[in-house]
Amino acid sequence: LRLSCAASGNFFGISVMGWYRQAPGK
């Protein structure tokens, strides 16, 4: 699978981006 994340608003100054995940009960 390929996930995408589009940002809007003030993108300037975003130093790091990433992905978190949360499984049930964790």
mmCIF file of all heavy atoms, coordinates in Angstrom:
data_MODEL
# 
_entry.id   MODEL 
# 
loop_
_atom_site.group_PDB 
_atom_site.id 
_atom_site.type_symbol 
_atom_site.label_atom_id 
_atom_site.label_alt_id 
_atom_site.label_comp_id 
_atom_site.label_asym_id 
_atom_site.label_entity_id 
_atom_site.label_seq_id 
_atom_site.pdbx_PDB_ins_code 
_atom_site.Cartn_x 
_atom_site.Cartn_y 
_atom_site.Cartn_z 
_atom_site.occupancy 
_atom_site.B_iso_or_equiv 
_atom_site.pdbx_formal_charge 
_atom_site.auth_seq_id 
_atom_site.auth_comp_id 
_atom_site.auth_asym_id 
_atom_site.auth_atom_id 
_atom_site.pdbx_PDB_model_num 
ATOM 1   N N   . LEU A 1 1  ? 0.855  -1.178 0.000  1.00 0.00 ? 1  LEU A N   1 
ATOM 2   C CA  . LEU A 1 1  ? 0.000  0.000  0.000  1.00 0.00 ? 1  LEU A CA  1 
ATOM 3   C C   . LEU A 1 1  ? 0.895  1.233  0.000  1.00 0.00 ? 1  LEU A C   1 
ATOM 4   O O   . LEU A 1 1  ? 2.026  1.194  0.495  1.00 0.00 ? 1  LEU A O   1 
ATOM 5   C CB  . LEU A 1 1  ? -0.893 0.052  1.247  1.00 0.00 ? 1  LEU A CB  1 
ATOM 6   C CG  . LEU A 1 1  ? -2.193 -0.744 1.289  1.00 0.00 ? 1  LEU A CG  1 
ATOM 7   C CD1 . LEU A 1 1  ? -2.853 -0.596 2.647  1.00 0.00 ? 1  LEU A CD1 1 
ATOM 8   C CD2 . LEU A 1 1  ? -3.133 -0.341 0.176  1.00 0.00 ? 1  LEU A CD2 1 
ATOM 9   N N   . ARG A 1 2  ? 0.344  2.308  -0.530 1.00 0.00 ? 2  ARG A N   1 
ATOM 10  C CA  . ARG A 1 2  ? 1.061  3.586  -0.512 1.00 0.00 ? 2  ARG A CA  1 
ATOM 11  C C   . ARG A 1 2  ? 0.158  4.624  0.136  1.00 0.00 ? 2  ARG A C   1 
ATOM 12  O O   . ARG A 1 2  ? -0.945 4.875  -0.352 1.00 0.00 ? 2  ARG A O   1 
ATOM 13  C CB  . ARG A 1 2  ? 1.447  4.020  -1.920 1.00 0.00 ? 2  ARG A CB  1 
ATOM 14  C CG  . ARG A 1 2  ? 2.188  5.352  -1.997 1.00 0.00 ? 2  ARG A CG  1 
ATOM 15  C CD  . ARG A 1 2  ? 2.582  5.646  -3.428 1.00 0.00 ? 2  ARG A CD  1 
ATOM 16  N NE  . ARG A 1 2  ? 3.108  6.975  -3.641 1.00 0.00 ? 2  ARG A NE  1 
ATOM 17  C CZ  . ARG A 1 2  ? 4.378  7.320  -3.474 1.00 0.00 ? 2  ARG A CZ  1 
ATOM 18  N NH1 . ARG A 1 2  ? 5.254  6.428  -3.062 1.00 0.00 ? 2  ARG A NH1 1 
ATOM 19  N NH2 . ARG A 1 2  ? 4.769  8.568  -3.728 1.00 0.00 ? 2  ARG A NH2 1 
ATOM 20  N N   . LEU A 1 3  ? 0.639  5.197  1.233  1.00 0.00 ? 3  LEU A N   1 
ATOM 21  C CA  . LEU A 1 3  ? -0.093 6.254  1.907  1.00 0.00 ? 3  LEU A CA  1 
ATOM 22  C C   . LEU A 1 3  ? 0.455  7.614  1.477  1.00 0.00 ? 3  LEU A C   1 
ATOM 23  O O   . LEU A 1 3  ? 1.659  7.769  1.257  1.00 0.00 ? 3  LEU A O   1 
ATOM 24  C CB  . LEU A 1 3  ? 0.029  6.119  3.421  1.00 0.00 ? 3  LEU A CB  1 
ATOM 25  C CG  . LEU A 1 3  ? -0.423 4.803  4.044  1.00 0.00 ? 3  LEU A CG  1 
ATOM 26  C CD1 . LEU A 1 3  ? -0.319 4.882  5.559  1.00 0.00 ? 3  LEU A CD1 1 
ATOM 27  C CD2 . LEU A 1 3  ? -1.822 4.434  3.621  1.00 0.00 ? 3  LEU A CD2 1 
ATOM 28  N N   . SER A 1 4  ? -0.447 8.572  1.398  1.00 0.00 ? 4  SER A N   1 
ATOM 29  C CA  . SER A 1 4  ? -0.059 9.941  1.088  1.00 0.00 ? 4  SER A CA  1 
ATOM 30  C C   . SER A 1 4  ? -0.572 10.866 2.180  1.00 0.00 ? 4  SER A C   1 
ATOM 31  O O   . SER A 1 4  ? -1.593 10.594 2.809  1.00 0.00 ? 4  SER A O   1 
ATOM 32  C CB  . SER A 1 4  ? -0.644 10.374 -0.257 1.00 0.00 ? 4  SER A CB  1 
ATOM 33  O OG  . SER A 1 4  ? -0.168 9.563  -1.301 1.00 0.00 ? 4  SER A OG  1 
ATOM 34  N N   . CYS A 1 5  ? 0.151  11.953 2.388  1.00 0.00 ? 5  CYS A N   1 
ATOM 35  C CA  . CYS A 1 5  ? -0.259 12.964 3.354  1.00 0.00 ? 5  CYS A CA  1 
ATOM 36  C C   . CYS A 1 5  ? -0.026 14.328 2.724  1.00 0.00 ? 5  CYS A C   1 
ATOM 37  O O   . CYS A 1 5  ? 1.113  14.667 2.386  1.00 0.00 ? 5  CYS A O   1 
ATOM 38  C CB  . CYS A 1 5  ? 0.537  12.830 4.638  1.00 0.00 ? 5  CYS A CB  1 
ATOM 39  S SG  . CYS A 1 5  ? 0.247  14.151 5.834  1.00 0.00 ? 5  CYS A SG  1 
ATOM 40  N N   . ALA A 1 6  ? -1.096 15.065 2.561  1.00 0.00 ? 6  ALA A N   1 
ATOM 41  C CA  . ALA A 1 6  ? -1.015 16.392 1.961  1.00 0.00 ? 6  ALA A CA  1 
ATOM 42  C C   . ALA A 1 6  ? -1.176 17.447 3.045  1.00 0.00 ? 6  ALA A C   1 
ATOM 43  O O   . ALA A 1 6  ? -2.101 17.376 3.857  1.00 0.00 ? 6  ALA A O   1 
ATOM 44  C CB  . ALA A 1 6  ? -2.095 16.553 0.907  1.00 0.00 ? 6  ALA A CB  1 
ATOM 45  N N   . ALA A 1 7  ? -0.273 18.404 3.038  1.00 0.00 ? 7  ALA A N   1 
ATOM 46  C CA  . ALA A 1 7  ? -0.314 19.491 4.023  1.00 0.00 ? 7  ALA A CA  1 
ATOM 47  C C   . ALA A 1 7  ? -0.880 20.744 3.386  1.00 0.00 ? 7  ALA A C   1 
ATOM 48  O O   . ALA A 1 7  ? -0.630 21.029 2.211  1.00 0.00 ? 7  ALA A O   1 
ATOM 49  C CB  . ALA A 1 7  ? 1.080  19.768 4.559  1.00 0.00 ? 7  ALA A CB  1 
ATOM 50  N N   . SER A 1 8  ? -1.650 21.474 4.164  1.00 0.00 ? 8  SER A N   1 
ATOM 51  C CA  . SER A 1 8  ? -2.136 22.774 3.726  1.00 0.00 ? 8  SER A CA  1 
ATOM 52  C C   . SER A 1 8  ? -1.895 23.765 4.866  1.00 0.00 ? 8  SER A C   1 
ATOM 53  O O   . SER A 1 8  ? -1.586 23.384 5.990  1.00 0.00 ? 8  SER A O   1 
ATOM 54  C CB  . SER A 1 8  ? -3.618 22.719 3.367  1.00 0.00 ? 8  SER A CB  1 
ATOM 55  O OG  . SER A 1 8  ? -4.395 22.317 4.481  1.00 0.00 ? 8  SER A OG  1 
ATOM 56  N N   . GLY A 1 9  ? -2.018 25.027 4.544  1.00 0.00 ? 9  GLY A N   1 
ATOM 57  C CA  . GLY A 1 9  ? -1.711 26.034 5.542  1.00 0.00 ? 9  GLY A CA  1 
ATOM 58  C C   . GLY A 1 9  ? -0.263 26.456 5.406  1.00 0.00 ? 9  GLY A C   1 
ATOM 59  O O   . GLY A 1 9  ? 0.323  26.406 4.337  1.00 0.00 ? 9  GLY A O   1 
ATOM 60  N N   . ASN A 1 10 ? 0.343  26.810 6.524  1.00 0.00 ? 10 ASN A N   1 
ATOM 61  C CA  . ASN A 1 10 ? 1.701  27.342 6.509  1.00 0.00 ? 10 ASN A CA  1 
ATOM 62  C C   . ASN A 1 10 ? 2.712  26.198 6.599  1.00 0.00 ? 10 ASN A C   1 
ATOM 63  O O   . ASN A 1 10 ? 3.021  25.689 7.663  1.00 0.00 ? 10 ASN A O   1 
ATOM 64  C CB  . ASN A 1 10 ? 1.905  28.325 7.654  1.00 0.00 ? 10 ASN A CB  1 
ATOM 65  C CG  . ASN A 1 10 ? 3.115  29.202 7.416  1.00 0.00 ? 10 ASN A CG  1 
ATOM 66  O OD1 . ASN A 1 10 ? 3.985  28.865 6.612  1.00 0.00 ? 10 ASN A OD1 1 
ATOM 67  N ND2 . ASN A 1 10 ? 3.171  30.323 8.098  1.00 0.00 ? 10 ASN A ND2 1 
ATOM 68  N N   . PHE A 1 11 ? 3.231  25.810 5.450  1.00 0.00 ? 11 PHE A N   1 
ATOM 69  C CA  . PHE A 1 11 ? 4.179  24.697 5.391  1.00 0.00 ? 11 PHE A CA  1 
ATOM 70  C C   . PHE A 1 11 ? 5.584  25.126 5.792  1.00 0.00 ? 11 PHE A C   1 
ATOM 71  O O   . PHE A 1 11 ? 6.406  24.297 6.203  1.00 0.00 ? 11 PHE A O   1 
ATOM 72  C CB  . PHE A 1 11 ? 4.189  24.125 3.974  1.00 0.00 ? 11 PHE A CB  1 
ATOM 73  C CG  . PHE A 1 11 ? 4.877  22.793 3.850  1.00 0.00 ? 11 PHE A CG  1 
ATOM 74  C CD1 . PHE A 1 11 ? 4.276  21.642 4.323  1.00 0.00 ? 11 PHE A CD1 1 
ATOM 75  C CD2 . PHE A 1 11 ? 6.122  22.686 3.238  1.00 0.00 ? 11 PHE A CD2 1 
ATOM 76  C CE1 . PHE A 1 11 ? 4.895  20.409 4.201  1.00 0.00 ? 11 PHE A CE1 1 
ATOM 77  C CE2 . PHE A 1 11 ? 6.739  21.462 3.100  1.00 0.00 ? 11 PHE A CE2 1 
ATOM 78  C CZ  . PHE A 1 11 ? 6.137  20.318 3.584  1.00 0.00 ? 11 PHE A CZ  1 
ATOM 79  N N   . PHE A 1 12 ? 5.852  26.424 5.701  1.00 0.00 ? 12 PHE A N   1 
ATOM 80  C CA  . PHE A 1 12 ? 7.183  26.929 6.025  1.00 0.00 ? 12 PHE A CA  1 
ATOM 81  C C   . PHE A 1 12 ? 7.528  26.612 7.477  1.00 0.00 ? 12 PHE A C   1 
ATOM 82  O O   . PHE A 1 12 ? 6.719  26.815 8.370  1.00 0.00 ? 12 PHE A O   1 
ATOM 83  C CB  . PHE A 1 12 ? 7.242  28.446 5.814  1.00 0.00 ? 12 PHE A CB  1 
ATOM 84  C CG  . PHE A 1 12 ? 8.535  29.056 6.296  1.00 0.00 ? 12 PHE A CG  1 
ATOM 85  C CD1 . PHE A 1 12 ? 9.681  28.943 5.531  1.00 0.00 ? 12 PHE A CD1 1 
ATOM 86  C CD2 . PHE A 1 12 ? 8.612  29.716 7.509  1.00 0.00 ? 12 PHE A CD2 1 
ATOM 87  C CE1 . PHE A 1 12 ? 10.875 29.494 5.957  1.00 0.00 ? 12 PHE A CE1 1 
ATOM 88  C CE2 . PHE A 1 12 ? 9.795  30.259 7.957  1.00 0.00 ? 12 PHE A CE2 1 
ATOM 89  C CZ  . PHE A 1 12 ? 10.941 30.155 7.180  1.00 0.00 ? 12 PHE A CZ  1 
ATOM 90  N N   . GLY A 1 13 ? 8.714  26.077 7.687  1.00 0.00 ? 13 GLY A N   1 
ATOM 91  C CA  . GLY A 1 13 ? 9.165  25.807 9.040  1.00 0.00 ? 13 GLY A CA  1 
ATOM 92  C C   . GLY A 1 13 ? 8.878  24.406 9.546  1.00 0.00 ? 13 GLY A C   1 
ATOM 93  O O   . GLY A 1 13 ? 9.258  24.064 10.679 1.00 0.00 ? 13 GLY A O   1 
ATOM 94  N N   . ILE A 1 14 ? 8.229  23.582 8.732  1.00 0.00 ? 14 ILE A N   1 
ATOM 95  C CA  . ILE A 1 14 ? 8.024  22.193 9.146  1.00 0.00 ? 14 ILE A CA  1 
ATOM 96  C C   . ILE A 1 14 ? 9.364  21.481 9.022  1.00 0.00 ? 14 ILE A C   1 
ATOM 97  O O   . ILE A 1 14 ? 9.859  21.248 7.926  1.00 0.00 ? 14 ILE A O   1 
ATOM 98  C CB  . ILE A 1 14 ? 6.953  21.502 8.296  1.00 0.00 ? 14 ILE A CB  1 
ATOM 99  C CG1 . ILE A 1 14 ? 5.593  22.152 8.544  1.00 0.00 ? 14 ILE A CG1 1 
ATOM 100 C CG2 . ILE A 1 14 ? 6.896  20.023 8.642  1.00 0.00 ? 14 ILE A CG2 1 
ATOM 101 C CD1 . ILE A 1 14 ? 4.450  21.499 7.792  1.00 0.00 ? 14 ILE A CD1 1 
ATOM 102 N N   . SER A 1 15 ? 9.934  21.149 10.162 1.00 0.00 ? 15 SER A N   1 
ATOM 103 C CA  . SER A 1 15 ? 11.287 20.611 10.176 1.00 0.00 ? 15 SER A CA  1 
ATOM 104 C C   . SER A 1 15 ? 11.319 19.100 9.948  1.00 0.00 ? 15 SER A C   1 
ATOM 105 O O   . SER A 1 15 ? 12.268 18.572 9.388  1.00 0.00 ? 15 SER A O   1 
ATOM 106 C CB  . SER A 1 15 ? 11.958 20.927 11.509 1.00 0.00 ? 15 SER A CB  1 
ATOM 107 O OG  . SER A 1 15 ? 11.178 20.417 12.575 1.00 0.00 ? 15 SER A OG  1 
ATOM 108 N N   . VAL A 1 16 ? 10.308 18.420 10.399 1.00 0.00 ? 16 VAL A N   1 
ATOM 109 C CA  . VAL A 1 16 ? 10.292 16.966 10.261 1.00 0.00 ? 16 VAL A CA  1 
ATOM 110 C C   . VAL A 1 16 ? 8.848  16.517 10.080 1.00 0.00 ? 16 VAL A C   1 
ATOM 111 O O   . VAL A 1 16 ? 7.922  17.107 10.636 1.00 0.00 ? 16 VAL A O   1 
ATOM 112 C CB  . VAL A 1 16 ? 10.933 16.276 11.481 1.00 0.00 ? 16 VAL A CB  1 
ATOM 113 C CG1 . VAL A 1 16 ? 10.198 16.612 12.755 1.00 0.00 ? 16 VAL A CG1 1 
ATOM 114 C CG2 . VAL A 1 16 ? 11.028 14.776 11.291 1.00 0.00 ? 16 VAL A CG2 1 
ATOM 115 N N   . MET A 1 17 ? 8.677  15.499 9.269  1.00 0.00 ? 17 MET A N   1 
ATOM 116 C CA  . MET A 1 17 ? 7.367  14.866 9.079  1.00 0.00 ? 17 MET A CA  1 
ATOM 117 C C   . MET A 1 17 ? 7.539  13.364 9.235  1.00 0.00 ? 17 MET A C   1 
ATOM 118 O O   . MET A 1 17 ? 8.650  12.833 9.134  1.00 0.00 ? 17 MET A O   1 
ATOM 119 C CB  . MET A 1 17 ? 6.796  15.198 7.707  1.00 0.00 ? 17 MET A CB  1 
ATOM 120 C CG  . MET A 1 17 ? 6.547  16.679 7.490  1.00 0.00 ? 17 MET A CG  1 
ATOM 121 S SD  . MET A 1 17 ? 5.670  17.040 5.950  1.00 0.00 ? 17 MET A SD  1 
ATOM 122 C CE  . MET A 1 17 ? 4.002  16.484 6.383  1.00 0.00 ? 17 MET A CE  1 
ATOM 123 N N   . GLY A 1 18 ? 6.429  12.713 9.504  1.00 0.00 ? 18 GLY A N   1 
ATOM 124 C CA  . GLY A 1 18 ? 6.542  11.275 9.686  1.00 0.00 ? 18 GLY A CA  1 
ATOM 125 C C   . GLY A 1 18 ? 5.198  10.609 9.798  1.00 0.00 ? 18 GLY A C   1 
ATOM 126 O O   . GLY A 1 18 ? 4.151  11.215 9.529  1.00 0.00 ? 18 GLY A O   1 
ATOM 127 N N   . TRP A 1 19 ? 5.261  9.352  10.181 1.00 0.00 ? 19 TRP A N   1 
ATOM 128 C CA  . TRP A 1 19 ? 4.061  8.537  10.337 1.00 0.00 ? 19 TRP A CA  1 
ATOM 129 C C   . TRP A 1 19 ? 4.085  7.835  11.680 1.00 0.00 ? 19 TRP A C   1 
ATOM 130 O O   . TRP A 1 19 ? 5.094  7.246  12.081 1.00 0.00 ? 19 TRP A O   1 
ATOM 131 C CB  . TRP A 1 19 ? 3.996  7.493  9.227  1.00 0.00 ? 19 TRP A CB  1 
ATOM 132 C CG  . TRP A 1 19 ? 3.789  8.086  7.869  1.00 0.00 ? 19 TRP A CG  1 
ATOM 133 C CD1 . TRP A 1 19 ? 4.746  8.483  6.982  1.00 0.00 ? 19 TRP A CD1 1 
ATOM 134 C CD2 . TRP A 1 19 ? 2.532  8.358  7.237  1.00 0.00 ? 19 TRP A CD2 1 
ATOM 135 N NE1 . TRP A 1 19 ? 4.170  8.993  5.852  1.00 0.00 ? 19 TRP A NE1 1 
ATOM 136 C CE2 . TRP A 1 19 ? 2.805  8.921  5.982  1.00 0.00 ? 19 TRP A CE2 1 
ATOM 137 C CE3 . TRP A 1 19 ? 1.201  8.175  7.621  1.00 0.00 ? 19 TRP A CE3 1 
ATOM 138 C CZ2 . TRP A 1 19 ? 1.800  9.301  5.094  1.00 0.00 ? 19 TRP A CZ2 1 
ATOM 139 C CZ3 . TRP A 1 19 ? 0.200  8.549  6.738  1.00 0.00 ? 19 TRP A CZ3 1 
ATOM 140 C CH2 . TRP A 1 19 ? 0.511  9.110  5.500  1.00 0.00 ? 19 TRP A CH2 1 
ATOM 141 N N   . TYR A 1 20 ? 2.952  7.932  12.359 1.00 0.00 ? 20 TYR A N   1 
ATOM 142 C CA  . TYR A 1 20 ? 2.682  7.165  13.559 1.00 0.00 ? 20 TYR A CA  1 
ATOM 143 C C   . TYR A 1 20 ? 1.631  6.112  13.198 1.00 0.00 ? 20 TYR A C   1 
ATOM 144 O O   . TYR A 1 20 ? 0.911  6.247  12.221 1.00 0.00 ? 20 TYR A O   1 
ATOM 145 C CB  . TYR A 1 20 ? 2.094  8.046  14.656 1.00 0.00 ? 20 TYR A CB  1 
ATOM 146 C CG  . TYR A 1 20 ? 3.078  8.869  15.449 1.00 0.00 ? 20 TYR A CG  1 
ATOM 147 C CD1 . TYR A 1 20 ? 3.732  9.948  14.884 1.00 0.00 ? 20 TYR A CD1 1 
ATOM 148 C CD2 . TYR A 1 20 ? 3.315  8.587  16.793 1.00 0.00 ? 20 TYR A CD2 1 
ATOM 149 C CE1 . TYR A 1 20 ? 4.617  10.719 15.628 1.00 0.00 ? 20 TYR A CE1 1 
ATOM 150 C CE2 . TYR A 1 20 ? 4.188  9.348  17.551 1.00 0.00 ? 20 TYR A CE2 1 
ATOM 151 C CZ  . TYR A 1 20 ? 4.835  10.412 16.962 1.00 0.00 ? 20 TYR A CZ  1 
ATOM 152 O OH  . TYR A 1 20 ? 5.703  11.172 17.716 1.00 0.00 ? 20 TYR A OH  1 
ATOM 153 N N   . ARG A 1 21 ? 1.529  5.110  14.038 1.00 0.00 ? 21 ARG A N   1 
ATOM 154 C CA  . ARG A 1 21 ? 0.421  4.183  13.901 1.00 0.00 ? 21 ARG A CA  1 
ATOM 155 C C   . ARG A 1 21 ? -0.025 3.713  15.279 1.00 0.00 ? 21 ARG A C   1 
ATOM 156 O O   . ARG A 1 21 ? 0.764  3.693  16.223 1.00 0.00 ? 21 ARG A O   1 
ATOM 157 C CB  . ARG A 1 21 ? 0.783  2.988  13.028 1.00 0.00 ? 21 ARG A CB  1 
ATOM 158 C CG  . ARG A 1 21 ? 1.881  2.082  13.558 1.00 0.00 ? 21 ARG A CG  1 
ATOM 159 C CD  . ARG A 1 21 ? 2.206  1.004  12.530 1.00 0.00 ? 21 ARG A CD  1 
ATOM 160 N NE  . ARG A 1 21 ? 3.240  0.085  12.999 1.00 0.00 ? 21 ARG A NE  1 
ATOM 161 C CZ  . ARG A 1 21 ? 3.732  -0.908 12.273 1.00 0.00 ? 21 ARG A CZ  1 
ATOM 162 N NH1 . ARG A 1 21 ? 3.281  -1.115 11.028 1.00 0.00 ? 21 ARG A NH1 1 
ATOM 163 N NH2 . ARG A 1 21 ? 4.655  -1.701 12.769 1.00 0.00 ? 21 ARG A NH2 1 
ATOM 164 N N   . GLN A 1 22 ? -1.306 3.354  15.340 1.00 0.00 ? 22 GLN A N   1 
ATOM 165 C CA  . GLN A 1 22 ? -1.887 2.903  16.597 1.00 0.00 ? 22 GLN A CA  1 
ATOM 166 C C   . GLN A 1 22 ? -2.750 1.686  16.335 1.00 0.00 ? 22 GLN A C   1 
ATOM 167 O O   . GLN A 1 22 ? -3.772 1.776  15.645 1.00 0.00 ? 22 GLN A O   1 
ATOM 168 C CB  . GLN A 1 22 ? -2.703 4.007  17.251 1.00 0.00 ? 22 GLN A CB  1 
ATOM 169 C CG  . GLN A 1 22 ? -3.216 3.656  18.630 1.00 0.00 ? 22 GLN A CG  1 
ATOM 170 C CD  . GLN A 1 22 ? -3.796 4.858  19.362 1.00 0.00 ? 22 GLN A CD  1 
ATOM 171 O OE1 . GLN A 1 22 ? -4.173 5.851  18.750 1.00 0.00 ? 22 GLN A OE1 1 
ATOM 172 N NE2 . GLN A 1 22 ? -3.844 4.782  20.685 1.00 0.00 ? 22 GLN A NE2 1 
ATOM 173 N N   . ALA A 1 23 ? -2.321 0.566  16.903 1.00 0.00 ? 23 ALA A N   1 
ATOM 174 C CA  . ALA A 1 23 ? -3.090 -0.668 16.809 1.00 0.00 ? 23 ALA A CA  1 
ATOM 175 C C   . ALA A 1 23 ? -4.079 -0.723 17.977 1.00 0.00 ? 23 ALA A C   1 
ATOM 176 O O   . ALA A 1 23 ? -3.868 -0.056 19.013 1.00 0.00 ? 23 ALA A O   1 
ATOM 177 C CB  . ALA A 1 23 ? -2.156 -1.874 16.849 1.00 0.00 ? 23 ALA A CB  1 
ATOM 178 N N   . PRO A 1 24 ? -5.149 -1.519 17.862 1.00 0.00 ? 24 PRO A N   1 
ATOM 179 C CA  . PRO A 1 24 ? -6.139 -1.617 18.948 1.00 0.00 ? 24 PRO A CA  1 
ATOM 180 C C   . PRO A 1 24 ? -5.485 -2.004 20.275 1.00 0.00 ? 24 PRO A C   1 
ATOM 181 O O   . PRO A 1 24 ? -4.711 -2.963 20.338 1.00 0.00 ? 24 PRO A O   1 
ATOM 182 C CB  . PRO A 1 24 ? -7.086 -2.702 18.455 1.00 0.00 ? 24 PRO A CB  1 
ATOM 183 C CG  . PRO A 1 24 ? -6.984 -2.636 16.975 1.00 0.00 ? 24 PRO A CG  1 
ATOM 184 C CD  . PRO A 1 24 ? -5.552 -2.290 16.690 1.00 0.00 ? 24 PRO A CD  1 
ATOM 185 N N   . GLY A 1 25 ? -5.758 -1.235 21.314 1.00 0.00 ? 25 GLY A N   1 
ATOM 186 C CA  . GLY A 1 25 ? -5.239 -1.535 22.633 1.00 0.00 ? 25 GLY A CA  1 
ATOM 187 C C   . GLY A 1 25 ? -3.785 -1.157 22.859 1.00 0.00 ? 25 GLY A C   1 
ATOM 188 O O   . GLY A 1 25 ? -3.221 -1.479 23.908 1.00 0.00 ? 25 GLY A O   1 
ATOM 189 N N   . LYS A 1 26 ? -3.189 -0.488 21.877 1.00 0.00 ? 26 LYS A N   1 
ATOM 190 C CA  . LYS A 1 26 ? -1.772 -0.112 22.000 1.00 0.00 ? 26 LYS A CA  1 
ATOM 191 C C   . LYS A 1 26 ? -1.605 1.392  21.884 1.00 0.00 ? 26 LYS A C   1 
ATOM 192 O O   . LYS A 1 26 ? -2.508 2.110  21.459 1.00 0.00 ? 26 LYS A O   1 
ATOM 193 C CB  . LYS A 1 26 ? -0.945 -0.833 20.932 1.00 0.00 ? 26 LYS A CB  1 
ATOM 194 C CG  . LYS A 1 26 ? -0.938 -2.348 21.089 1.00 0.00 ? 26 LYS A CG  1 
ATOM 195 C CD  . LYS A 1 26 ? 0.048  -2.998 20.144 1.00 0.00 ? 26 LYS A CD  1 
ATOM 196 C CE  . LYS A 1 26 ? 0.097  -4.495 20.362 1.00 0.00 ? 26 LYS A CE  1 
ATOM 197 N NZ  . LYS A 1 26 ? 1.081  -5.161 19.453 1.00 0.00 ? 26 LYS A NZ  1 
# 
